[in-house]
N, C-alpha and C. Protein backbone atom coordinates (compact mmCIF):
# COMPACT_ATOMS: atom_id res chain seq x y z
N UNK A 1 1.26 -0.64 13.08
CA UNK A 1 -0.03 -0.58 13.70
C UNK A 1 -0.72 0.79 13.45
N UNK A 2 -1.99 0.80 13.61
CA UNK A 2 -2.71 2.02 13.56
C UNK A 2 -3.87 1.88 14.53
N UNK A 3 -4.45 2.98 14.92
CA UNK A 3 -5.62 2.93 15.81
C UNK A 3 -6.75 3.67 15.15
N UNK A 4 -7.95 3.18 15.38
CA UNK A 4 -9.17 3.77 14.79
C UNK A 4 -10.23 3.80 15.85
N UNK A 5 -10.77 4.98 16.15
CA UNK A 5 -11.86 5.06 17.12
C UNK A 5 -13.14 4.49 16.47
N UNK A 6 -13.89 3.77 17.31
CA UNK A 6 -15.23 3.36 16.95
C UNK A 6 -16.18 4.54 17.30
N UNK A 7 -17.33 4.56 16.76
CA UNK A 7 -18.27 5.63 17.15
C UNK A 7 -18.99 5.15 18.47
N UNK A 8 -19.78 6.05 19.07
CA UNK A 8 -20.42 5.70 20.31
C UNK A 8 -21.34 4.51 20.23
N UNK A 9 -21.71 4.12 19.01
CA UNK A 9 -22.62 2.94 18.80
C UNK A 9 -21.82 1.64 18.59
N UNK A 10 -20.52 1.68 18.88
CA UNK A 10 -19.58 0.57 18.69
C UNK A 10 -19.46 0.11 17.23
N UNK A 11 -19.57 1.05 16.31
CA UNK A 11 -19.35 0.75 14.91
C UNK A 11 -17.87 1.03 14.57
N UNK A 12 -17.26 0.05 13.92
CA UNK A 12 -15.87 0.21 13.53
C UNK A 12 -15.73 1.12 12.33
N UNK A 13 -14.58 1.75 12.20
CA UNK A 13 -14.27 2.45 10.93
C UNK A 13 -14.00 1.40 9.86
N UNK A 14 -14.33 1.76 8.63
CA UNK A 14 -14.10 0.83 7.49
C UNK A 14 -12.60 0.38 7.46
N UNK A 15 -11.68 1.24 7.79
CA UNK A 15 -10.25 0.88 7.71
C UNK A 15 -9.92 -0.35 8.60
N UNK A 16 -10.40 -0.32 9.85
CA UNK A 16 -10.17 -1.45 10.74
C UNK A 16 -10.88 -2.66 10.29
N UNK A 17 -12.15 -2.54 9.91
CA UNK A 17 -12.91 -3.70 9.46
C UNK A 17 -12.33 -4.30 8.17
N UNK A 18 -11.85 -3.47 7.22
CA UNK A 18 -11.23 -3.95 5.98
C UNK A 18 -9.95 -4.73 6.26
N UNK A 19 -9.15 -4.20 7.19
CA UNK A 19 -7.90 -4.94 7.56
C UNK A 19 -8.22 -6.31 8.14
N UNK A 20 -9.20 -6.42 9.01
CA UNK A 20 -9.63 -7.69 9.59
C UNK A 20 -10.14 -8.65 8.52
N UNK A 21 -10.97 -8.12 7.63
CA UNK A 21 -11.64 -9.01 6.61
C UNK A 21 -10.73 -9.43 5.51
N UNK A 22 -9.78 -8.56 5.07
CA UNK A 22 -8.95 -8.86 3.94
C UNK A 22 -7.65 -9.43 4.35
N UNK A 23 -7.17 -9.26 5.61
CA UNK A 23 -5.93 -9.83 6.06
C UNK A 23 -4.71 -8.97 5.70
N UNK A 24 -4.97 -7.72 5.31
CA UNK A 24 -3.92 -6.83 4.93
C UNK A 24 -4.29 -5.40 5.05
N UNK A 25 -3.31 -4.49 5.11
CA UNK A 25 -3.50 -3.07 5.10
C UNK A 25 -2.23 -2.37 4.79
N UNK A 26 -2.32 -1.13 4.49
CA UNK A 26 -1.13 -0.25 4.32
C UNK A 26 -1.11 0.84 5.37
N UNK A 27 0.04 1.15 5.86
CA UNK A 27 0.22 2.20 6.83
C UNK A 27 1.00 3.27 6.15
N UNK A 28 0.55 4.55 6.28
CA UNK A 28 1.30 5.68 5.68
C UNK A 28 1.69 6.66 6.79
N UNK A 29 2.88 7.20 6.70
CA UNK A 29 3.44 8.13 7.70
C UNK A 29 2.62 9.37 7.63
N UNK A 30 2.06 9.84 8.76
CA UNK A 30 1.38 11.08 8.86
C UNK A 30 2.44 12.20 9.07
N UNK A 31 2.45 13.19 8.17
CA UNK A 31 3.51 14.25 8.20
C UNK A 31 2.84 15.61 8.34
N UNK A 32 3.73 16.56 8.66
CA UNK A 32 3.26 17.98 8.82
C UNK A 32 2.61 18.41 7.51
N UNK A 33 3.18 18.10 6.35
CA UNK A 33 2.61 18.49 5.08
C UNK A 33 1.25 17.89 4.84
N UNK A 34 1.01 16.74 5.40
CA UNK A 34 -0.29 16.02 5.19
C UNK A 34 -1.27 16.20 6.32
N UNK A 35 -0.99 17.11 7.27
CA UNK A 35 -1.82 17.20 8.55
C UNK A 35 -3.29 17.42 8.24
N UNK A 36 -3.66 18.31 7.28
CA UNK A 36 -5.03 18.54 7.01
C UNK A 36 -5.72 17.30 6.46
N UNK A 37 -5.04 16.53 5.62
CA UNK A 37 -5.57 15.30 5.06
C UNK A 37 -5.70 14.27 6.17
N UNK A 38 -4.74 14.22 7.08
CA UNK A 38 -4.80 13.29 8.22
C UNK A 38 -6.10 13.58 9.02
N UNK A 39 -6.29 14.86 9.33
CA UNK A 39 -7.46 15.25 10.06
C UNK A 39 -8.79 14.94 9.32
N UNK A 40 -8.81 15.14 8.06
CA UNK A 40 -10.01 14.82 7.28
C UNK A 40 -10.25 13.29 7.24
N UNK A 41 -9.21 12.55 7.14
CA UNK A 41 -9.35 11.05 7.09
C UNK A 41 -9.81 10.46 8.42
N UNK A 42 -9.80 11.27 9.51
CA UNK A 42 -10.19 10.75 10.80
C UNK A 42 -11.73 10.76 10.95
N UNK A 43 -12.42 11.38 10.05
CA UNK A 43 -13.88 11.46 10.10
C UNK A 43 -14.51 10.07 10.00
N UNK A 44 -15.60 9.87 10.67
CA UNK A 44 -16.35 8.59 10.61
C UNK A 44 -17.28 8.68 9.42
N UNK A 45 -16.90 8.16 8.28
CA UNK A 45 -17.65 8.27 7.05
C UNK A 45 -18.59 7.05 6.88
N UNK A 46 -19.62 7.17 6.11
CA UNK A 46 -20.51 6.02 5.83
C UNK A 46 -19.69 4.99 5.00
N UNK A 47 -20.09 3.69 5.22
CA UNK A 47 -19.39 2.66 4.48
C UNK A 47 -19.40 2.97 2.95
N UNK A 48 -18.27 2.72 2.33
CA UNK A 48 -18.17 2.93 0.90
C UNK A 48 -17.74 4.29 0.53
N UNK A 49 -17.78 5.30 1.41
CA UNK A 49 -17.25 6.62 1.04
C UNK A 49 -15.74 6.58 1.24
N UNK A 50 -15.06 7.04 0.13
CA UNK A 50 -13.62 6.90 0.05
C UNK A 50 -12.90 8.01 0.82
N UNK A 51 -12.15 7.65 1.85
CA UNK A 51 -11.38 8.57 2.64
C UNK A 51 -10.34 9.35 1.83
N UNK A 52 -9.76 8.58 0.87
CA UNK A 52 -8.76 9.29 0.00
C UNK A 52 -9.37 10.44 -0.80
N UNK A 53 -10.54 10.26 -1.27
CA UNK A 53 -11.24 11.29 -2.04
C UNK A 53 -11.64 12.44 -1.08
N UNK A 54 -12.21 12.06 0.06
CA UNK A 54 -12.62 13.13 1.04
C UNK A 54 -11.45 13.97 1.51
N UNK A 55 -10.21 13.33 1.66
CA UNK A 55 -9.08 14.01 2.15
C UNK A 55 -8.22 14.65 1.05
N UNK A 56 -8.60 14.41 -0.20
CA UNK A 56 -7.82 14.97 -1.36
C UNK A 56 -6.50 14.29 -1.55
N UNK A 57 -6.44 13.00 -1.31
CA UNK A 57 -5.19 12.22 -1.42
C UNK A 57 -5.21 11.32 -2.65
N UNK A 58 -3.99 11.18 -3.17
CA UNK A 58 -3.79 10.24 -4.31
C UNK A 58 -3.41 8.86 -3.82
N UNK A 59 -4.05 7.86 -4.43
CA UNK A 59 -3.72 6.44 -4.07
C UNK A 59 -2.55 5.93 -4.90
N UNK A 60 -1.78 5.12 -4.22
CA UNK A 60 -0.74 4.33 -4.89
C UNK A 60 -0.94 2.93 -4.37
N UNK A 61 -0.59 1.93 -5.14
CA UNK A 61 -0.85 0.54 -4.77
C UNK A 61 0.49 -0.22 -4.72
N UNK A 62 0.62 -1.02 -3.65
CA UNK A 62 1.77 -1.85 -3.48
C UNK A 62 1.55 -3.13 -4.24
N UNK A 63 2.61 -3.98 -4.27
CA UNK A 63 2.51 -5.23 -4.98
C UNK A 63 3.04 -6.43 -4.14
N UNK A 64 3.37 -6.21 -2.92
CA UNK A 64 3.94 -7.26 -2.12
C UNK A 64 2.95 -8.25 -1.54
N UNK A 65 1.67 -7.79 -1.46
CA UNK A 65 0.65 -8.66 -0.89
C UNK A 65 -0.23 -9.34 -1.94
N UNK A 66 -0.54 -10.56 -1.72
CA UNK A 66 -1.37 -11.29 -2.73
C UNK A 66 -2.75 -10.83 -2.78
N UNK A 67 -3.38 -10.99 -3.96
CA UNK A 67 -4.79 -10.64 -4.12
C UNK A 67 -5.01 -9.21 -4.52
N UNK A 68 -6.15 -8.68 -4.15
CA UNK A 68 -6.54 -7.29 -4.50
C UNK A 68 -5.49 -6.35 -3.80
N UNK A 69 -4.95 -5.43 -4.61
CA UNK A 69 -3.91 -4.51 -4.02
C UNK A 69 -4.63 -3.50 -3.06
N UNK A 70 -3.83 -3.14 -2.05
CA UNK A 70 -4.34 -2.22 -1.01
C UNK A 70 -3.71 -0.86 -1.24
N UNK A 71 -4.49 0.22 -1.22
CA UNK A 71 -3.86 1.56 -1.48
C UNK A 71 -3.13 2.04 -0.25
N UNK A 72 -2.16 2.91 -0.61
CA UNK A 72 -1.46 3.73 0.39
C UNK A 72 -1.39 5.15 -0.12
N UNK A 73 -1.01 6.07 0.74
CA UNK A 73 -1.00 7.49 0.41
C UNK A 73 0.24 7.82 -0.41
N UNK A 74 0.03 8.20 -1.71
CA UNK A 74 1.11 8.49 -2.59
C UNK A 74 1.93 9.66 -2.09
N UNK A 75 1.33 10.63 -1.47
CA UNK A 75 2.06 11.84 -1.00
C UNK A 75 2.89 11.58 0.27
N UNK A 76 2.65 10.50 0.95
CA UNK A 76 3.43 10.20 2.15
C UNK A 76 4.83 9.66 1.78
N UNK A 77 5.86 10.16 2.45
CA UNK A 77 7.18 9.75 2.08
C UNK A 77 7.53 8.32 2.61
N UNK A 78 6.74 7.73 3.47
CA UNK A 78 7.01 6.38 4.01
C UNK A 78 5.71 5.60 4.10
N UNK A 79 5.68 4.46 3.51
CA UNK A 79 4.46 3.59 3.46
C UNK A 79 4.89 2.17 3.71
N UNK A 80 4.14 1.43 4.51
CA UNK A 80 4.34 0.01 4.82
C UNK A 80 3.17 -0.78 4.27
N UNK A 81 3.49 -1.89 3.60
CA UNK A 81 2.45 -2.85 3.25
C UNK A 81 2.50 -3.93 4.36
N UNK A 82 1.33 -4.20 4.92
CA UNK A 82 1.31 -5.09 6.10
C UNK A 82 0.33 -6.24 5.96
N UNK A 83 0.67 -7.41 6.51
CA UNK A 83 -0.23 -8.55 6.69
C UNK A 83 -0.87 -8.33 8.07
N UNK A 84 -2.17 -8.46 8.08
CA UNK A 84 -2.92 -8.26 9.35
C UNK A 84 -2.53 -9.35 10.32
N UNK A 85 -2.32 -8.94 11.55
CA UNK A 85 -2.01 -9.87 12.61
C UNK A 85 -3.15 -10.00 13.65
N UNK A 86 -3.55 -8.84 14.20
CA UNK A 86 -4.59 -8.91 15.27
C UNK A 86 -5.13 -7.47 15.53
N UNK A 87 -6.22 -7.47 16.30
CA UNK A 87 -6.82 -6.21 16.73
C UNK A 87 -6.98 -6.28 18.20
N UNK A 88 -6.55 -5.22 18.88
CA UNK A 88 -6.78 -5.06 20.31
C UNK A 88 -7.82 -3.97 20.47
N UNK A 89 -8.89 -4.33 21.19
CA UNK A 89 -9.98 -3.38 21.39
C UNK A 89 -9.89 -2.80 22.79
N UNK A 90 -9.68 -1.51 22.84
CA UNK A 90 -9.69 -0.85 24.15
C UNK A 90 -11.05 -0.27 24.40
N UNK A 91 -11.66 -0.61 25.51
CA UNK A 91 -13.04 -0.13 25.75
C UNK A 91 -13.12 1.37 25.87
N UNK A 92 -14.25 1.91 25.35
CA UNK A 92 -14.42 3.39 25.34
C UNK A 92 -14.96 3.81 26.72
N UNK A 93 -14.96 5.10 26.80
CA UNK A 93 -15.49 5.78 28.04
C UNK A 93 -16.65 6.58 27.53
N UNK A 94 -17.92 6.09 27.59
CA UNK A 94 -19.06 6.76 26.95
C UNK A 94 -19.03 8.23 27.31
N UNK A 95 -19.41 9.04 26.32
CA UNK A 95 -20.05 8.73 25.03
C UNK A 95 -19.13 8.28 23.94
N UNK A 96 -17.83 8.26 24.19
CA UNK A 96 -16.90 7.78 23.10
C UNK A 96 -16.97 6.27 22.93
N UNK A 97 -16.68 5.88 21.74
CA UNK A 97 -16.70 4.45 21.45
C UNK A 97 -15.28 3.81 21.78
N UNK A 98 -15.21 2.52 21.59
CA UNK A 98 -13.94 1.84 21.84
C UNK A 98 -12.94 2.25 20.80
N UNK A 99 -11.68 1.85 20.96
CA UNK A 99 -10.60 2.09 20.07
C UNK A 99 -10.09 0.79 19.58
N UNK A 100 -9.92 0.57 18.28
CA UNK A 100 -9.35 -0.61 17.69
C UNK A 100 -7.92 -0.31 17.39
N UNK A 101 -7.02 -1.06 17.97
CA UNK A 101 -5.58 -0.96 17.62
C UNK A 101 -5.28 -2.19 16.72
N UNK A 102 -5.00 -1.89 15.44
CA UNK A 102 -4.81 -2.88 14.48
C UNK A 102 -3.34 -3.09 14.22
N UNK A 103 -2.89 -4.36 14.37
CA UNK A 103 -1.47 -4.67 14.32
C UNK A 103 -1.21 -5.52 13.06
N UNK A 104 -0.07 -5.26 12.40
CA UNK A 104 0.25 -6.02 11.25
C UNK A 104 1.77 -6.30 11.22
N UNK A 105 2.12 -7.24 10.36
CA UNK A 105 3.53 -7.51 10.08
C UNK A 105 3.95 -6.83 8.79
N UNK A 106 4.97 -6.02 8.82
CA UNK A 106 5.38 -5.32 7.68
C UNK A 106 6.02 -6.29 6.64
N UNK A 107 5.54 -6.28 5.43
CA UNK A 107 6.12 -7.14 4.40
C UNK A 107 6.86 -6.37 3.28
N UNK A 108 6.55 -5.06 3.22
CA UNK A 108 7.28 -4.22 2.23
C UNK A 108 7.26 -2.78 2.73
N UNK A 109 8.34 -2.07 2.39
CA UNK A 109 8.55 -0.70 2.85
C UNK A 109 8.78 0.14 1.62
N UNK A 110 8.08 1.24 1.48
CA UNK A 110 8.26 2.17 0.36
C UNK A 110 8.69 3.53 0.94
N UNK A 111 9.90 3.99 0.60
CA UNK A 111 10.43 5.22 1.12
C UNK A 111 10.86 6.08 -0.08
N UNK A 112 10.39 7.31 -0.04
CA UNK A 112 10.69 8.30 -1.09
C UNK A 112 12.19 8.64 -0.97
N UNK A 113 12.87 8.63 -2.09
CA UNK A 113 14.30 8.93 -2.15
C UNK A 113 14.66 10.31 -1.55
N UNK A 114 13.67 11.22 -1.61
CA UNK A 114 13.91 12.59 -1.10
C UNK A 114 14.11 12.64 0.38
N UNK A 115 13.71 11.57 1.09
CA UNK A 115 13.87 11.59 2.56
C UNK A 115 14.95 10.66 3.06
N UNK A 116 15.85 10.27 2.15
CA UNK A 116 17.00 9.44 2.45
C UNK A 116 18.23 10.30 2.52
N UNK A 117 19.04 10.13 3.51
CA UNK A 117 20.31 10.82 3.67
C UNK A 117 21.31 9.80 4.09
N UNK A 118 22.43 9.66 3.31
CA UNK A 118 23.51 8.69 3.57
C UNK A 118 22.94 7.30 3.72
N UNK A 119 21.96 6.99 2.93
CA UNK A 119 21.44 5.61 2.89
C UNK A 119 20.46 5.26 4.05
N UNK A 120 20.04 6.27 4.77
CA UNK A 120 19.11 6.07 5.91
C UNK A 120 17.91 7.01 5.82
N UNK A 121 16.79 6.54 6.35
CA UNK A 121 15.67 7.45 6.44
C UNK A 121 15.97 8.62 7.32
N UNK A 122 15.77 9.85 6.80
CA UNK A 122 16.06 11.07 7.55
C UNK A 122 14.75 11.57 8.17
N UNK A 123 14.54 11.29 9.44
CA UNK A 123 13.28 11.58 10.10
C UNK A 123 12.97 13.10 10.01
N UNK A 124 13.99 13.96 10.09
CA UNK A 124 13.76 15.42 10.04
C UNK A 124 13.16 15.84 8.71
N UNK A 125 13.58 15.11 7.65
CA UNK A 125 13.02 15.45 6.36
C UNK A 125 11.51 15.06 6.20
N UNK A 126 11.09 14.05 6.95
CA UNK A 126 9.69 13.56 6.84
C UNK A 126 8.76 14.45 7.72
N UNK A 127 9.28 15.02 8.79
CA UNK A 127 8.49 15.81 9.71
C UNK A 127 7.14 15.08 10.08
N UNK A 128 7.30 13.91 10.79
CA UNK A 128 6.15 13.20 11.20
C UNK A 128 5.34 13.94 12.26
N UNK A 129 4.02 13.71 12.32
CA UNK A 129 3.18 14.32 13.33
C UNK A 129 2.65 13.20 14.19
N UNK A 130 2.25 13.56 15.42
CA UNK A 130 1.73 12.56 16.35
C UNK A 130 0.65 13.30 17.22
N UNK A 131 -0.40 12.58 17.50
CA UNK A 131 -1.44 13.14 18.37
C UNK A 131 -0.97 13.04 19.84
N UNK A 132 -1.17 14.10 20.56
CA UNK A 132 -0.77 14.14 21.95
C UNK A 132 -1.88 13.97 22.92
N UNK A 133 -3.12 14.10 22.45
CA UNK A 133 -4.31 14.12 23.35
C UNK A 133 -5.09 15.39 23.08
N UNK A 134 -6.34 15.43 23.62
CA UNK A 134 -7.22 16.54 23.30
C UNK A 134 -7.28 16.71 21.80
N UNK A 135 -7.03 17.96 21.34
CA UNK A 135 -6.92 18.16 19.87
C UNK A 135 -5.55 18.60 19.54
N UNK A 136 -4.59 18.28 20.42
CA UNK A 136 -3.20 18.68 20.26
C UNK A 136 -2.37 17.63 19.55
N UNK A 137 -1.51 18.11 18.64
CA UNK A 137 -0.60 17.30 17.90
C UNK A 137 0.81 17.91 18.03
N UNK A 138 1.83 17.19 17.70
CA UNK A 138 3.21 17.66 17.61
C UNK A 138 3.80 17.23 16.34
N UNK A 139 4.83 17.97 15.93
CA UNK A 139 5.63 17.68 14.76
C UNK A 139 7.06 17.44 15.19
N UNK A 140 7.72 16.37 14.59
CA UNK A 140 9.06 16.10 14.90
C UNK A 140 9.94 16.82 13.90
N UNK A 141 10.75 17.75 14.42
CA UNK A 141 11.71 18.48 13.57
C UNK A 141 13.15 18.28 14.01
N UNK A 142 13.30 17.86 15.30
CA UNK A 142 14.64 17.61 15.80
C UNK A 142 14.70 16.20 16.31
N UNK A 143 15.82 15.56 16.00
CA UNK A 143 16.06 14.19 16.48
C UNK A 143 17.43 14.05 17.10
N UNK A 144 17.60 13.05 17.93
CA UNK A 144 18.91 12.76 18.45
C UNK A 144 19.03 11.28 18.58
N UNK A 145 20.25 10.73 18.59
CA UNK A 145 20.50 9.32 18.66
C UNK A 145 21.01 8.88 20.04
N UNK A 146 20.48 7.77 20.55
CA UNK A 146 20.97 7.21 21.79
C UNK A 146 21.06 5.65 21.52
N UNK A 147 22.29 5.18 21.51
CA UNK A 147 22.52 3.76 21.29
C UNK A 147 22.52 3.11 22.67
N UNK A 148 21.75 2.01 22.80
CA UNK A 148 21.64 1.26 24.05
C UNK A 148 23.02 0.68 24.42
N UNK A 149 23.51 1.06 25.60
CA UNK A 149 24.82 0.52 26.00
C UNK A 149 24.76 -0.95 26.33
N UNK A 150 25.88 -1.62 26.03
CA UNK A 150 25.98 -3.04 26.46
C UNK A 150 25.36 -4.05 25.48
N UNK A 151 24.78 -3.61 24.38
CA UNK A 151 24.17 -4.53 23.47
C UNK A 151 25.23 -5.03 22.45
N UNK A 152 25.04 -6.28 22.02
CA UNK A 152 25.91 -6.81 20.97
C UNK A 152 25.55 -6.22 19.60
N UNK A 153 26.49 -6.33 18.65
CA UNK A 153 26.27 -5.70 17.35
C UNK A 153 25.05 -6.24 16.63
N UNK A 154 24.86 -7.57 16.72
CA UNK A 154 23.66 -8.15 16.01
C UNK A 154 22.38 -7.62 16.50
N UNK A 155 22.22 -7.48 17.83
CA UNK A 155 20.95 -6.94 18.42
C UNK A 155 20.81 -5.51 18.03
N UNK A 156 21.91 -4.70 18.06
CA UNK A 156 21.78 -3.28 17.62
C UNK A 156 21.38 -3.20 16.18
N UNK A 157 21.96 -4.08 15.31
CA UNK A 157 21.59 -4.07 13.89
C UNK A 157 20.11 -4.37 13.69
N UNK A 158 19.60 -5.36 14.50
CA UNK A 158 18.18 -5.69 14.48
C UNK A 158 17.32 -4.52 14.90
N UNK A 159 17.76 -3.82 15.96
CA UNK A 159 16.98 -2.69 16.47
C UNK A 159 16.96 -1.53 15.46
N UNK A 160 17.97 -1.38 14.64
CA UNK A 160 17.94 -0.31 13.64
C UNK A 160 17.30 -0.76 12.37
N UNK A 161 16.80 -2.00 12.29
CA UNK A 161 16.06 -2.47 11.13
C UNK A 161 16.90 -3.14 10.09
N UNK A 162 18.13 -3.41 10.35
CA UNK A 162 19.01 -4.06 9.33
C UNK A 162 19.05 -5.56 9.54
N UNK A 163 18.03 -6.27 9.01
CA UNK A 163 18.01 -7.71 9.13
C UNK A 163 19.19 -8.35 8.48
N UNK A 164 19.56 -7.77 7.33
CA UNK A 164 20.71 -8.41 6.51
C UNK A 164 21.95 -8.34 7.33
N UNK A 165 22.27 -7.16 7.94
CA UNK A 165 23.49 -7.08 8.77
C UNK A 165 23.36 -7.92 10.06
N UNK A 166 22.20 -7.91 10.64
CA UNK A 166 21.99 -8.69 11.91
C UNK A 166 22.17 -10.14 11.63
N UNK A 167 21.56 -10.72 10.55
CA UNK A 167 21.67 -12.11 10.16
C UNK A 167 23.14 -12.45 9.91
N UNK A 168 23.83 -11.58 9.18
CA UNK A 168 25.23 -11.84 8.85
C UNK A 168 26.09 -11.94 10.17
N UNK A 169 25.81 -11.04 11.08
CA UNK A 169 26.55 -11.01 12.34
C UNK A 169 26.32 -12.30 13.19
N UNK A 170 25.11 -12.86 13.11
CA UNK A 170 24.84 -14.07 13.89
C UNK A 170 25.01 -15.32 13.07
N UNK A 171 25.50 -15.20 11.80
CA UNK A 171 25.81 -16.37 11.02
C UNK A 171 24.68 -16.93 10.15
N UNK A 172 23.61 -16.19 9.92
CA UNK A 172 22.54 -16.68 9.08
C UNK A 172 22.74 -16.11 7.69
N UNK A 173 22.86 -16.96 6.70
CA UNK A 173 22.94 -16.55 5.32
C UNK A 173 21.67 -17.13 4.66
N UNK A 174 20.81 -16.28 4.16
CA UNK A 174 19.54 -16.79 3.61
C UNK A 174 19.20 -16.00 2.36
N UNK A 175 18.76 -16.72 1.40
CA UNK A 175 18.30 -16.10 0.14
C UNK A 175 16.81 -15.96 0.12
N UNK A 176 16.14 -16.51 1.16
CA UNK A 176 14.68 -16.52 1.20
C UNK A 176 14.18 -15.25 1.83
N UNK A 177 13.33 -14.47 1.10
CA UNK A 177 12.84 -13.20 1.66
C UNK A 177 12.16 -13.27 2.97
N UNK A 178 11.40 -14.32 3.26
CA UNK A 178 10.73 -14.42 4.52
C UNK A 178 11.70 -14.53 5.68
N UNK A 179 12.93 -14.96 5.46
CA UNK A 179 13.96 -15.03 6.51
C UNK A 179 14.73 -13.82 6.61
N UNK A 180 14.85 -13.05 5.53
CA UNK A 180 15.65 -11.82 5.47
C UNK A 180 14.94 -10.70 6.14
N UNK A 181 13.66 -10.61 6.02
CA UNK A 181 12.91 -9.48 6.54
C UNK A 181 13.12 -8.21 5.75
N UNK A 182 12.44 -7.14 6.06
CA UNK A 182 12.58 -5.92 5.30
C UNK A 182 13.98 -5.29 5.51
N UNK A 183 14.52 -4.75 4.50
CA UNK A 183 15.82 -4.08 4.63
C UNK A 183 15.59 -2.62 4.40
N UNK A 184 16.00 -1.78 5.36
CA UNK A 184 15.82 -0.34 5.21
C UNK A 184 17.15 0.25 4.76
């Protein structure tokens, strides 16, 4: 999912409108290294003005979605190709506009090998950023693991994103990609 502020005149950002109209979008992880580009891409630009160009970002295109390919940020270490699911509109508090929360189903995951450690995505290597409110952001540099107690192995495998292992544990053997889900 991603969120995009509307302007005070209730105009959507192109990114939200494009996802709704095309039925697809790509999500790219916002990182410490990309913070200035992330900030530049938050501008409300006129229709047709390319946020990638404005932010100085290189486009890469996925191939998992049918039709016109959708770009994602080549410099981002983690990118998801998504089928559009729905939009939740949170009303604004004037003079700010509403916020569109755009939700999608991940159909493909692209992870740079440089951020993989022992076969897993290494969050510390990606240094993701998150907005905290006001103009404040944070960067994730430390992580810790907490496994939910009392859960069965199949549920835990699903929570960590291993559909292949989860399906095997509950006895589902499938060769069809739509039943396997993304494998991290």
